[in-house]
Amino acid sequence: PKYAEMCRRYLADEEDFAKEKIAKLGITHTY
């Protein structure tokens, strides 16, 4: 197991998938 990498990815996702970034790309519908 790579727990440290799992944690890094989880935290990075908060910035990588910020609502503003989703909106900027014109993605209006989510599932």
PDB file of all heavy atoms in Angstrom:
ATOM      1  N   PRO A   1       0.821  -1.217   0.000  1.00  0.00           N
ATOM      2  CA  PRO A   1       0.000   0.000   0.000  1.00  0.00           C
ATOM      3  C   PRO A   1       0.855   1.266   0.000  1.00  0.00           C
ATOM      4  O   PRO A   1       1.917   1.312   0.609  1.00  0.00           O
ATOM      5  CB  PRO A   1      -0.798  -0.098   1.303  1.00  0.00           C
ATOM      6  CG  PRO A   1      -0.740  -1.530   1.689  1.00  0.00           C
ATOM      7  CD  PRO A   1       0.565  -2.053   1.169  1.00  0.00           C
ATOM      8  N   LYS A   2       0.364   2.278  -0.692  1.00  0.00           N
ATOM      9  CA  LYS A   2       1.035   3.568  -0.783  1.00  0.00           C
ATOM     10  C   LYS A   2       0.121   4.619  -0.141  1.00  0.00           C
ATOM     11  O   LYS A   2      -0.476   5.448  -0.815  1.00  0.00           O
ATOM     12  CB  LYS A   2       1.345   3.891  -2.243  1.00  0.00           C
ATOM     13  CG  LYS A   2       2.344   2.926  -2.870  1.00  0.00           C
ATOM     14  CD  LYS A   2       2.576   3.240  -4.334  1.00  0.00           C
ATOM     15  CE  LYS A   2       3.680   2.410  -4.942  1.00  0.00           C
ATOM     16  NZ  LYS A   2       3.427   0.994  -4.987  1.00  0.00           N
ATOM     17  N   TYR A   3       0.023   4.554   1.191  1.00  0.00           N
ATOM     18  CA  TYR A   3      -0.893   5.426   1.925  1.00  0.00           C
ATOM     19  C   TYR A   3      -0.531   6.901   1.799  1.00  0.00           C
ATOM     20  O   TYR A   3      -1.418   7.750   1.684  1.00  0.00           O
ATOM     21  CB  TYR A   3      -0.943   5.028   3.404  1.00  0.00           C
ATOM     22  CG  TYR A   3      -1.516   3.655   3.626  1.00  0.00           C
ATOM     23  CD1 TYR A   3      -0.743   2.641   4.188  1.00  0.00           C
ATOM     24  CD2 TYR A   3      -2.830   3.353   3.274  1.00  0.00           C
ATOM     25  CE1 TYR A   3      -1.266   1.374   4.391  1.00  0.00           C
ATOM     26  CE2 TYR A   3      -3.360   2.088   3.478  1.00  0.00           C
ATOM     27  CZ  TYR A   3      -2.580   1.101   4.030  1.00  0.00           C
ATOM     28  OH  TYR A   3      -3.095  -0.145   4.236  1.00  0.00           O
ATOM     29  N   ALA A   4       0.744   7.213   1.832  1.00  0.00           N
ATOM     30  CA  ALA A   4       1.154   8.616   1.724  1.00  0.00           C
ATOM     31  C   ALA A   4       0.729   9.189   0.371  1.00  0.00           C
ATOM     32  O   ALA A   4       0.246  10.320   0.285  1.00  0.00           O
ATOM     33  CB  ALA A   4       2.660   8.760   1.928  1.00  0.00           C
ATOM     34  N   GLU A   5       0.888   8.400  -0.676  1.00  0.00           N
ATOM     35  CA  GLU A   5       0.476   8.849  -2.010  1.00  0.00           C
ATOM     36  C   GLU A   5      -1.041   8.983  -2.080  1.00  0.00           C
ATOM     37  O   GLU A   5      -1.572   9.911  -2.687  1.00  0.00           O
ATOM     38  CB  GLU A   5       0.986   7.895  -3.090  1.00  0.00           C
ATOM     39  CG  GLU A   5       0.518   8.216  -4.493  1.00  0.00           C
ATOM     40  CD  GLU A   5       0.836   9.635  -4.962  1.00  0.00           C
ATOM     41  OE1 GLU A   5       1.731  10.296  -4.412  1.00  0.00           O
ATOM     42  OE2 GLU A   5       0.153  10.095  -5.899  1.00  0.00           O
ATOM     43  N   MET A   6      -1.757   8.084  -1.456  1.00  0.00           N
ATOM     44  CA  MET A   6      -3.215   8.163  -1.408  1.00  0.00           C
ATOM     45  C   MET A   6      -3.639   9.489  -0.765  1.00  0.00           C
ATOM     46  O   MET A   6      -4.512  10.188  -1.290  1.00  0.00           O
ATOM     47  CB  MET A   6      -3.786   6.995  -0.613  1.00  0.00           C
ATOM     48  CG  MET A   6      -5.290   7.017  -0.476  1.00  0.00           C
ATOM     49  SD  MET A   6      -5.883   6.026   0.915  1.00  0.00           S
ATOM     50  CE  MET A   6      -5.519   7.137   2.280  1.00  0.00           C
ATOM     51  N   CYS A   7      -3.016   9.852   0.339  1.00  0.00           N
ATOM     52  CA  CYS A   7      -3.337  11.103   1.030  1.00  0.00           C
ATOM     53  C   CYS A   7      -2.981  12.315   0.181  1.00  0.00           C
ATOM     54  O   CYS A   7      -3.743  13.291   0.117  1.00  0.00           O
ATOM     55  CB  CYS A   7      -2.622  11.168   2.378  1.00  0.00           C
ATOM     56  SG  CYS A   7      -3.251   9.974   3.566  1.00  0.00           S
ATOM     57  N   ARG A   8      -1.831  12.267  -0.480  1.00  0.00           N
ATOM     58  CA  ARG A   8      -1.422  13.380  -1.337  1.00  0.00           C
ATOM     59  C   ARG A   8      -2.449  13.602  -2.454  1.00  0.00           C
ATOM     60  O   ARG A   8      -2.867  14.722  -2.718  1.00  0.00           O
ATOM     61  CB  ARG A   8      -0.042  13.113  -1.948  1.00  0.00           C
ATOM     62  CG  ARG A   8       0.487  14.307  -2.761  1.00  0.00           C
ATOM     63  CD  ARG A   8       1.425  13.901  -3.882  1.00  0.00           C
ATOM     64  NE  ARG A   8       0.845  13.038  -4.869  1.00  0.00           N
ATOM     65  CZ  ARG A   8       0.067  13.448  -5.889  1.00  0.00           C
ATOM     66  NH1 ARG A   8      -0.257  14.715  -6.040  1.00  0.00           N
ATOM     67  NH2 ARG A   8      -0.405  12.576  -6.765  1.00  0.00           N
ATOM     68  N   ARG A   9      -2.890  12.510  -3.077  1.00  0.00           N
ATOM     69  CA  ARG A   9      -3.861  12.621  -4.166  1.00  0.00           C
ATOM     70  C   ARG A   9      -5.184  13.183  -3.662  1.00  0.00           C
ATOM     71  O   ARG A   9      -5.805  14.025  -4.315  1.00  0.00           O
ATOM     72  CB  ARG A   9      -4.099  11.256  -4.812  1.00  0.00           C
ATOM     73  CG  ARG A   9      -2.946  10.810  -5.683  1.00  0.00           C
ATOM     74  CD  ARG A   9      -3.164   9.447  -6.275  1.00  0.00           C
ATOM     75  NE  ARG A   9      -4.368   9.385  -7.078  1.00  0.00           N
ATOM     76  CZ  ARG A   9      -5.045   8.277  -7.318  1.00  0.00           C
ATOM     77  NH1 ARG A   9      -4.658   7.122  -6.814  1.00  0.00           N
ATOM     78  NH2 ARG A   9      -6.111   8.289  -8.077  1.00  0.00           N
ATOM     79  N   TYR A  10      -5.616  12.707  -2.524  1.00  0.00           N
ATOM     80  CA  TYR A  10      -6.886  13.163  -1.951  1.00  0.00           C
ATOM     81  C   TYR A  10      -6.849  14.676  -1.722  1.00  0.00           C
ATOM     82  O   TYR A  10      -7.771  15.393  -2.105  1.00  0.00           O
ATOM     83  CB  TYR A  10      -7.164  12.415  -0.646  1.00  0.00           C
ATOM     84  CG  TYR A  10      -8.486  12.752  -0.024  1.00  0.00           C
ATOM     85  CD1 TYR A  10      -9.647  12.102  -0.417  1.00  0.00           C
ATOM     86  CD2 TYR A  10      -8.583  13.739   0.953  1.00  0.00           C
ATOM     87  CE1 TYR A  10     -10.875  12.414   0.149  1.00  0.00           C
ATOM     88  CE2 TYR A  10      -9.798  14.066   1.525  1.00  0.00           C
ATOM     89  CZ  TYR A  10     -10.945  13.399   1.120  1.00  0.00           C
ATOM     90  OH  TYR A  10     -12.149  13.719   1.679  1.00  0.00           O
ATOM     91  N   LEU A  11      -5.777  15.152  -1.114  1.00  0.00           N
ATOM     92  CA  LEU A  11      -5.656  16.583  -0.835  1.00  0.00           C
ATOM     93  C   LEU A  11      -5.470  17.404  -2.117  1.00  0.00           C
ATOM     94  O   LEU A  11      -6.034  18.490  -2.251  1.00  0.00           O
ATOM     95  CB  LEU A  11      -4.502  16.830   0.136  1.00  0.00           C
ATOM     96  CG  LEU A  11      -4.711  16.258   1.541  1.00  0.00           C
ATOM     97  CD1 LEU A  11      -3.443  16.389   2.367  1.00  0.00           C
ATOM     98  CD2 LEU A  11      -5.892  16.927   2.233  1.00  0.00           C
ATOM     99  N   ALA A  12      -4.700  16.886  -3.059  1.00  0.00           N
ATOM    100  CA  ALA A  12      -4.479  17.596  -4.322  1.00  0.00           C
ATOM    101  C   ALA A  12      -5.779  17.758  -5.105  1.00  0.00           C
ATOM    102  O   ALA A  12      -5.988  18.768  -5.790  1.00  0.00           O
ATOM    103  CB  ALA A  12      -3.440  16.867  -5.166  1.00  0.00           C
ATOM    104  N   ASP A  13      -6.665  16.768  -4.991  1.00  0.00           N
ATOM    105  CA  ASP A  13      -7.945  16.845  -5.704  1.00  0.00           C
ATOM    106  C   ASP A  13      -8.776  18.050  -5.293  1.00  0.00           C
ATOM    107  O   ASP A  13      -9.545  18.582  -6.089  1.00  0.00           O
ATOM    108  CB  ASP A  13      -8.761  15.568  -5.474  1.00  0.00           C
ATOM    109  CG  ASP A  13      -8.335  14.426  -6.383  1.00  0.00           C
ATOM    110  OD1 ASP A  13      -7.558  14.666  -7.325  1.00  0.00           O
ATOM    111  OD2 ASP A  13      -8.793  13.296  -6.132  1.00  0.00           O
ATOM    112  N   GLU A  14      -8.643  18.478  -4.044  1.00  0.00           N
ATOM    113  CA  GLU A  14      -9.416  19.630  -3.578  1.00  0.00           C
ATOM    114  C   GLU A  14      -9.086  20.872  -4.401  1.00  0.00           C
ATOM    115  O   GLU A  14      -9.962  21.664  -4.720  1.00  0.00           O
ATOM    116  CB  GLU A  14      -9.163  19.886  -2.091  1.00  0.00           C
ATOM    117  CG  GLU A  14      -9.698  18.794  -1.198  1.00  0.00           C
ATOM    118  CD  GLU A  14     -11.172  18.493  -1.439  1.00  0.00           C
ATOM    119  OE1 GLU A  14     -11.999  19.418  -1.345  1.00  0.00           O
ATOM    120  OE2 GLU A  14     -11.492  17.324  -1.735  1.00  0.00           O
ATOM    121  N   GLU A  15      -7.820  21.027  -4.747  1.00  0.00           N
ATOM    122  CA  GLU A  15      -7.414  22.169  -5.578  1.00  0.00           C
ATOM    123  C   GLU A  15      -7.638  21.882  -7.061  1.00  0.00           C
ATOM    124  O   GLU A  15      -8.148  22.718  -7.794  1.00  0.00           O
ATOM    125  CB  GLU A  15      -5.934  22.486  -5.342  1.00  0.00           C
ATOM    126  CG  GLU A  15      -5.448  23.669  -6.146  1.00  0.00           C
ATOM    127  CD  GLU A  15      -3.979  23.964  -5.909  1.00  0.00           C
ATOM    128  OE1 GLU A  15      -3.468  23.649  -4.827  1.00  0.00           O
ATOM    129  OE2 GLU A  15      -3.354  24.514  -6.834  1.00  0.00           O
ATOM    130  N   ASP A  16      -7.267  20.675  -7.491  1.00  0.00           N
ATOM    131  CA  ASP A  16      -7.356  20.329  -8.913  1.00  0.00           C
ATOM    132  C   ASP A  16      -8.785  20.369  -9.445  1.00  0.00           C
ATOM    133  O   ASP A  16      -9.009  20.657 -10.617  1.00  0.00           O
ATOM    134  CB  ASP A  16      -6.763  18.948  -9.170  1.00  0.00           C
ATOM    135  CG  ASP A  16      -5.269  18.890  -8.912  1.00  0.00           C
ATOM    136  OD1 ASP A  16      -4.635  19.952  -8.790  1.00  0.00           O
ATOM    137  OD2 ASP A  16      -4.733  17.769  -8.823  1.00  0.00           O
ATOM    138  N   PHE A  17      -9.765  20.034  -8.593  1.00  0.00           N
ATOM    139  CA  PHE A  17     -11.158  19.978  -9.014  1.00  0.00           C
ATOM    140  C   PHE A  17     -12.014  21.040  -8.315  1.00  0.00           C
ATOM    141  O   PHE A  17     -13.173  20.808  -7.998  1.00  0.00           O
ATOM    142  CB  PHE A  17     -11.734  18.583  -8.747  1.00  0.00           C
ATOM    143  CG  PHE A  17     -11.155  17.518  -9.630  1.00  0.00           C
ATOM    144  CD1 PHE A  17     -10.088  16.752  -9.195  1.00  0.00           C
ATOM    145  CD2 PHE A  17     -11.667  17.271 -10.889  1.00  0.00           C
ATOM    146  CE1 PHE A  17      -9.542  15.763 -10.000  1.00  0.00           C
ATOM    147  CE2 PHE A  17     -11.127  16.294 -11.701  1.00  0.00           C
ATOM    148  CZ  PHE A  17     -10.064  15.529 -11.261  1.00  0.00           C
ATOM    149  N   ALA A  18     -11.434  22.200  -8.102  1.00  0.00           N
ATOM    150  CA  ALA A  18     -12.163  23.296  -7.471  1.00  0.00           C
ATOM    151  C   ALA A  18     -13.369  23.693  -8.339  1.00  0.00           C
ATOM    152  O   ALA A  18     -13.308  23.635  -9.573  1.00  0.00           O
ATOM    153  CB  ALA A  18     -11.237  24.503  -7.279  1.00  0.00           C
ATOM    154  N   LYS A  19     -14.441  24.089  -7.683  1.00  0.00           N
ATOM    155  CA  LYS A  19     -15.686  24.462  -8.389  1.00  0.00           C
ATOM    156  C   LYS A  19     -15.430  25.533  -9.447  1.00  0.00           C
ATOM    157  O   LYS A  19     -16.031  25.500 -10.523  1.00  0.00           O
ATOM    158  CB  LYS A  19     -16.731  24.963  -7.391  1.00  0.00           C
ATOM    159  CG  LYS A  19     -17.182  23.926  -6.398  1.00  0.00           C
ATOM    160  CD  LYS A  19     -18.245  23.049  -6.978  1.00  0.00           C
ATOM    161  CE  LYS A  19     -18.776  22.107  -5.883  1.00  0.00           C
ATOM    162  NZ  LYS A  19     -19.308  20.888  -6.438  1.00  0.00           N
ATOM    163  N   GLU A  20     -14.532  26.491  -9.142  1.00  0.00           N
ATOM    164  CA  GLU A  20     -14.245  27.557 -10.101  1.00  0.00           C
ATOM    165  C   GLU A  20     -13.630  26.999 -11.388  1.00  0.00           C
ATOM    166  O   GLU A  20     -13.898  27.486 -12.484  1.00  0.00           O
ATOM    167  CB  GLU A  20     -13.274  28.594  -9.516  1.00  0.00           C
ATOM    168  CG  GLU A  20     -13.667  29.178  -8.174  1.00  0.00           C
ATOM    169  CD  GLU A  20     -13.314  28.274  -6.991  1.00  0.00           C
ATOM    170  OE1 GLU A  20     -12.173  27.815  -6.844  1.00  0.00           O
ATOM    171  OE2 GLU A  20     -14.245  28.031  -6.193  1.00  0.00           O
ATOM    172  N   LYS A  21     -12.779  25.989 -11.250  1.00  0.00           N
ATOM    173  CA  LYS A  21     -12.139  25.384 -12.423  1.00  0.00           C
ATOM    174  C   LYS A  21     -13.164  24.637 -13.267  1.00  0.00           C
ATOM    175  O   LYS A  21     -13.104  24.675 -14.503  1.00  0.00           O
ATOM    176  CB  LYS A  21     -11.010  24.450 -11.990  1.00  0.00           C
ATOM    177  CG  LYS A  21      -9.829  25.186 -11.390  1.00  0.00           C
ATOM    178  CD  LYS A  21      -8.720  24.249 -10.989  1.00  0.00           C
ATOM    179  CE  LYS A  21      -7.552  25.031 -10.400  1.00  0.00           C
ATOM    180  NZ  LYS A  21      -6.437  24.178 -10.014  1.00  0.00           N
ATOM    181  N   ILE A  22     -14.094  23.966 -12.609  1.00  0.00           N
ATOM    182  CA  ILE A  22     -15.151  23.243 -13.325  1.00  0.00           C
ATOM    183  C   ILE A  22     -16.007  24.238 -14.104  1.00  0.00           C
ATOM    184  O   ILE A  22     -16.286  24.046 -15.290  1.00  0.00           O
ATOM    185  CB  ILE A  22     -16.002  22.417 -12.331  1.00  0.00           C
ATOM    186  CG1 ILE A  22     -15.149  21.311 -11.703  1.00  0.00           C
ATOM    187  CG2 ILE A  22     -17.233  21.829 -13.013  1.00  0.00           C
ATOM    188  CD1 ILE A  22     -15.775  20.633 -10.501  1.00  0.00           C
ATOM    189  N   ALA A  23     -16.388  25.325 -13.446  1.00  0.00           N
ATOM    190  CA  ALA A  23     -17.213  26.351 -14.086  1.00  0.00           C
ATOM    191  C   ALA A  23     -16.473  27.018 -15.241  1.00  0.00           C
ATOM    192  O   ALA A  23     -17.055  27.275 -16.297  1.00  0.00           O
ATOM    193  CB  ALA A  23     -17.646  27.390 -13.060  1.00  0.00           C
ATOM    194  N   LYS A  24     -15.182  27.296 -15.048  1.00  0.00           N
ATOM    195  CA  LYS A  24     -14.385  27.957 -16.086  1.00  0.00           C
ATOM    196  C   LYS A  24     -14.350  27.145 -17.378  1.00  0.00           C
ATOM    197  O   LYS A  24     -14.304  27.696 -18.477  1.00  0.00           O
ATOM    198  CB  LYS A  24     -12.958  28.178 -15.571  1.00  0.00           C
ATOM    199  CG  LYS A  24     -12.043  28.864 -16.558  1.00  0.00           C
ATOM    200  CD  LYS A  24     -10.635  28.994 -16.015  1.00  0.00           C
ATOM    201  CE  LYS A  24      -9.716  29.470 -17.110  1.00  0.00           C
ATOM    202  NZ  LYS A  24      -8.339  29.105 -16.873  1.00  0.00           N
ATOM    203  N   LEU A  25     -14.400  25.816 -17.253  1.00  0.00           N
ATOM    204  CA  LEU A  25     -14.374  24.950 -18.430  1.00  0.00           C
ATOM    205  C   LEU A  25     -15.757  24.746 -19.038  1.00  0.00           C
ATOM    206  O   LEU A  25     -15.908  24.009 -20.011  1.00  0.00           O
ATOM    207  CB  LEU A  25     -13.749  23.601 -18.076  1.00  0.00           C
ATOM    208  CG  LEU A  25     -12.251  23.659 -17.791  1.00  0.00           C
ATOM    209  CD1 LEU A  25     -11.743  22.317 -17.276  1.00  0.00           C
ATOM    210  CD2 LEU A  25     -11.487  24.060 -19.052  1.00  0.00           C
ATOM    211  N   GLY A  26     -16.758  25.382 -18.457  1.00  0.00           N
ATOM    212  CA  GLY A  26     -18.101  25.300 -19.023  1.00  0.00           C
ATOM    213  C   GLY A  26     -18.840  24.020 -18.687  1.00  0.00           C
ATOM    214  O   GLY A  26     -19.824  23.675 -19.346  1.00  0.00           O
ATOM    215  N   ILE A  27     -18.390  23.314 -17.670  1.00  0.00           N
ATOM    216  CA  ILE A  27     -19.075  22.090 -17.252  1.00  0.00           C
ATOM    217  C   ILE A  27     -20.210  22.505 -16.326  1.00  0.00           C
ATOM    218  O   ILE A  27     -19.985  22.993 -15.223  1.00  0.00           O
ATOM    219  CB  ILE A  27     -18.111  21.111 -16.550  1.00  0.00           C
ATOM    220  CG1 ILE A  27     -16.998  20.703 -17.515  1.00  0.00           C
ATOM    221  CG2 ILE A  27     -18.861  19.891 -16.030  1.00  0.00           C
ATOM    222  CD1 ILE A  27     -15.871  19.918 -16.870  1.00  0.00           C
ATOM    223  N   THR A  28     -21.437  22.333 -16.805  1.00  0.00           N
ATOM    224  CA  THR A  28     -22.594  22.802 -16.046  1.00  0.00           C
ATOM    225  C   THR A  28     -23.382  21.664 -15.411  1.00  0.00           C
ATOM    226  O   THR A  28     -24.176  21.899 -14.510  1.00  0.00           O
ATOM    227  CB  THR A  28     -23.540  23.615 -16.954  1.00  0.00           C
ATOM    228  OG1 THR A  28     -23.923  22.790 -18.069  1.00  0.00           O
ATOM    229  CG2 THR A  28     -22.837  24.877 -17.454  1.00  0.00           C
ATOM    230  N   HIS A  29     -23.193  20.448 -15.888  1.00  0.00           N
ATOM    231  CA  HIS A  29     -23.929  19.310 -15.329  1.00  0.00           C
ATOM    232  C   HIS A  29     -22.948  18.316 -14.718  1.00  0.00           C
ATOM    233  O   HIS A  29     -21.933  17.987 -15.329  1.00  0.00           O
ATOM    234  CB  HIS A  29     -24.752  18.610 -16.417  1.00  0.00           C
ATOM    235  CG  HIS A  29     -25.640  17.544 -15.868  1.00  0.00           C
ATOM    236  ND1 HIS A  29     -26.849  17.829 -15.288  1.00  0.00           N
ATOM    237  CD2 HIS A  29     -25.485  16.208 -15.781  1.00  0.00           C
ATOM    238  CE1 HIS A  29     -27.406  16.703 -14.872  1.00  0.00           C
ATOM    239  NE2 HIS A  29     -26.602  15.712 -15.158  1.00  0.00           N
ATOM    240  N   THR A  30     -23.264  17.882 -13.510  1.00  0.00           N
ATOM    241  CA  THR A  30     -22.454  16.859 -12.863  1.00  0.00           C
ATOM    242  C   THR A  30     -23.354  15.679 -12.513  1.00  0.00           C
ATOM    243  O   THR A  30     -24.584  15.806 -12.462  1.00  0.00           O
ATOM    244  CB  THR A  30     -21.770  17.392 -11.586  1.00  0.00           C
ATOM    245  OG1 THR A  30     -22.766  17.771 -10.640  1.00  0.00           O
ATOM    246  CG2 THR A  30     -20.873  18.586 -11.904  1.00  0.00           C
ATOM    247  N   TYR A  31     -22.726  14.537 -12.274  1.00  0.00           N
ATOM    248  CA  TYR A  31     -23.456  13.307 -11.957  1.00  0.00           C
ATOM    249  C   TYR A  31     -23.047  12.833 -10.568  1.00  0.00           C
ATOM    250  O   TYR A  31     -21.862  12.630 -10.314  1.00  0.00           O
ATOM    251  CB  TYR A  31     -23.142  12.229 -13.002  1.00  0.00           C
ATOM    252  CG  TYR A  31     -23.556  12.625 -14.390  1.00  0.00           C
ATOM    253  CD1 TYR A  31     -22.667  13.304 -15.223  1.00  0.00           C
ATOM    254  CD2 TYR A  31     -24.831  12.351 -14.865  1.00  0.00           C
ATOM    255  CE1 TYR A  31     -23.050  13.689 -16.500  1.00  0.00           C
ATOM    256  CE2 TYR A  31     -25.213  12.723 -16.143  1.00  0.00           C
ATOM    257  CZ  TYR A  31     -24.328  13.394 -16.959  1.00  0.00           C
ATOM    258  OH  TYR A  31     -24.708  13.781 -18.212  1.00  0.00           O
TER     259      TYR A  31
END
